Amino acid sequence: MNSRFVLDSWALIALLNKEQPASEQVEKILRMATDGRVYLVLSIINLGEIYYIVGRNRSSNAADEFLAEIKRLPIQIISANEQRVLAAAQLKMTHPIAYADAFTAAAAIELDATLLTGDPEFLNLGKKVKIQHLHRNKKR
């Protein structure tokens, strides 16, 4: 297995909403994970973030359905143990990022992985984290 990626909630929400070209890029990486060419990780904190965003923007049933879909994908869900909580808290302490985003970044640092996101907030981390930046087409 070559590359490791940590998925931000932004990437999976883009997939759900079929936001191009981001969703196409996420689908490609998911296929690579299915083939065993990459390893994908999602923090349990970001899973919760995705769940509430989908539930709030669509419905509770839609949130349940997308949660079930995520669980079928080749993505390892990692826990929020004490070490990870404190690593995220340290990032939040020193950088202007959302708390859930701090878990994504902390996981990428811990696993020496590339963070897959389109959220510009991660640019506040500078070179602390490797980022593969996704894009969505601008709405007219």
Protein backbone atom coordinates (compact mmCIF):
# COMPACT_ATOMS: atom_id res chain seq x y z
CA MET A 1 0.00 0.00 0.00
CA ASN A 2 1.52 3.28 -1.07
CA SER A 3 -0.31 6.44 -0.08
CA ARG A 4 -2.37 7.31 2.96
CA PHE A 5 -5.16 9.87 2.94
CA VAL A 6 -7.22 11.35 5.74
CA LEU A 7 -10.61 12.46 4.49
CA ASP A 8 -12.08 15.69 5.75
CA SER A 9 -15.85 15.93 6.03
CA TRP A 10 -15.70 18.46 3.16
CA ALA A 11 -14.59 15.69 0.77
CA LEU A 12 -17.42 13.32 1.65
CA ILE A 13 -20.06 16.05 1.62
CA ALA A 14 -18.82 17.02 -1.87
CA LEU A 15 -19.20 13.37 -2.88
CA LEU A 16 -22.76 13.24 -1.53
CA ASN A 17 -23.70 16.49 -3.27
CA LYS A 18 -21.98 15.41 -6.51
CA GLU A 19 -19.99 18.65 -6.53
CA GLN A 20 -17.64 18.54 -9.49
CA PRO A 21 -14.77 18.18 -9.90
CA ALA A 22 -14.29 17.35 -6.19
CA SER A 23 -16.68 14.39 -6.13
CA GLU A 24 -14.95 12.88 -9.15
CA GLN A 25 -11.58 13.17 -7.38
CA VAL A 26 -12.99 11.54 -4.23
CA GLU A 27 -14.53 8.72 -6.29
CA LYS A 28 -11.16 8.10 -7.95
CA ILE A 29 -9.40 7.83 -4.58
CA LEU A 30 -12.14 5.53 -3.28
CA ARG A 31 -11.58 3.23 -6.29
CA MET A 32 -7.85 3.26 -5.54
CA ALA A 33 -8.63 2.27 -1.93
CA THR A 34 -10.88 -0.54 -3.13
CA ASP A 35 -7.95 -1.80 -5.23
CA GLY A 36 -5.65 -1.59 -2.20
CA ARG A 37 -3.48 1.15 -3.71
CA VAL A 38 -4.24 3.73 -1.01
CA TYR A 39 -5.31 3.67 2.63
CA LEU A 40 -8.18 5.97 3.65
CA VAL A 41 -8.94 7.21 7.15
CA LEU A 42 -11.75 9.27 8.65
CA SER A 43 -11.89 10.47 12.25
CA ILE A 44 -14.96 9.47 14.22
CA ILE A 45 -15.33 13.18 15.05
CA ASN A 46 -15.61 14.02 11.35
CA LEU A 47 -18.06 11.16 10.87
CA GLY A 48 -20.26 12.84 13.48
CA GLU A 49 -19.79 16.17 11.72
CA ILE A 50 -20.92 14.66 8.40
CA TYR A 51 -23.91 13.05 10.10
CA TYR A 52 -25.19 16.28 11.63
CA ILE A 53 -24.54 18.33 8.47
CA VAL A 54 -26.50 15.91 6.29
CA GLY A 55 -29.26 15.64 8.90
CA ARG A 56 -29.54 19.39 9.25
CA ASN A 57 -29.40 20.14 5.52
CA ARG A 58 -31.49 17.21 4.29
CA SER A 59 -33.14 14.98 6.88
CA SER A 60 -32.43 12.52 9.65
CA ASN A 61 -33.19 9.65 7.25
CA ALA A 62 -30.71 11.04 4.71
CA ALA A 63 -28.08 11.24 7.46
CA ASP A 64 -28.72 7.60 8.41
CA GLU A 65 -28.50 6.51 4.76
CA PHE A 66 -25.25 8.38 4.11
CA LEU A 67 -23.76 7.01 7.35
CA ALA A 68 -24.55 3.48 6.17
CA GLU A 69 -23.00 4.27 2.78
CA ILE A 70 -19.81 5.61 4.39
CA LYS A 71 -19.52 2.45 6.50
CA ARG A 72 -19.56 0.36 3.29
CA LEU A 73 -16.70 2.36 1.76
CA PRO A 74 -13.03 1.31 2.08
CA ILE A 75 -12.44 3.88 4.83
CA GLN A 76 -10.98 3.11 8.25
CA ILE A 77 -12.83 5.06 10.96
CA ILE A 78 -10.39 5.99 13.73
CA SER A 79 -11.39 6.69 17.31
CA ALA A 80 -10.90 9.85 19.33
CA ASN A 81 -8.67 8.44 22.04
CA GLU A 82 -6.91 10.66 24.58
CA GLN A 83 -3.76 11.03 22.47
CA ARG A 84 -5.77 12.15 19.43
CA VAL A 85 -7.98 14.50 21.45
CA LEU A 86 -4.94 16.22 22.94
CA ALA A 87 -3.17 16.42 19.56
CA ALA A 88 -6.28 18.04 18.06
CA ALA A 89 -6.57 20.38 21.04
CA GLN A 90 -2.95 21.49 20.59
CA LEU A 91 -3.59 22.29 16.94
CA LYS A 92 -6.74 24.20 17.86
CA MET A 93 -4.81 26.05 20.57
CA THR A 94 -2.24 27.36 18.10
CA HIS A 95 -4.12 27.63 14.79
CA PRO A 96 -7.41 29.28 13.78
CA ILE A 97 -9.23 26.13 12.68
CA ALA A 98 -12.49 24.47 13.69
CA TYR A 99 -12.27 21.82 16.38
CA ALA A 100 -13.48 19.02 14.08
CA ASP A 101 -10.91 20.13 11.50
CA ALA A 102 -8.23 19.84 14.16
CA PHE A 103 -9.02 16.10 14.43
CA THR A 104 -8.60 15.71 10.68
CA ALA A 105 -5.27 17.51 10.74
CA ALA A 106 -4.05 15.63 13.82
CA ALA A 107 -4.86 12.30 12.13
CA ALA A 108 -2.96 13.34 9.00
CA ILE A 109 0.06 14.28 11.11
CA GLU A 110 -0.11 11.08 13.19
CA LEU A 111 -0.36 8.84 10.13
CA ASP A 112 1.98 10.88 7.92
CA ALA A 113 -0.92 11.05 5.50
CA THR A 114 -2.20 13.56 2.99
CA LEU A 115 -5.32 15.45 4.02
CA LEU A 116 -8.01 15.38 1.32
CA THR A 117 -10.19 18.50 1.53
CA GLY A 118 -11.49 21.56 -0.20
CA ASP A 119 -11.82 23.56 3.00
CA PRO A 120 -9.58 26.64 2.80
CA GLU A 121 -9.40 26.75 6.61
CA PHE A 122 -6.67 24.11 6.50
CA LEU A 123 -4.37 26.58 4.78
CA ASN A 124 -4.01 28.15 8.25
CA LEU A 125 -1.85 25.16 9.19
CA GLY A 126 0.89 26.12 6.77
CA LYS A 127 3.28 23.25 6.12
CA LYS A 128 2.28 21.23 9.19
CA VAL A 129 0.05 19.02 7.04
CA LYS A 130 0.27 17.73 3.48
CA ILE A 131 -2.93 18.72 1.68
CA GLN A 132 -4.47 17.56 -1.56
CA HIS A 133 -6.89 20.37 -2.22
CA LEU A 134 -10.21 19.58 -3.87
CA HIS A 135 -12.24 22.11 -5.81
CA ARG A 136 -15.88 22.62 -6.65
CA ASN A 137 -17.14 24.52 -9.64
CA LYS A 138 -18.26 28.01 -8.80
CA LYS A 139 -22.03 28.46 -8.74
CA ARG A 140 -23.43 30.97 -11.17
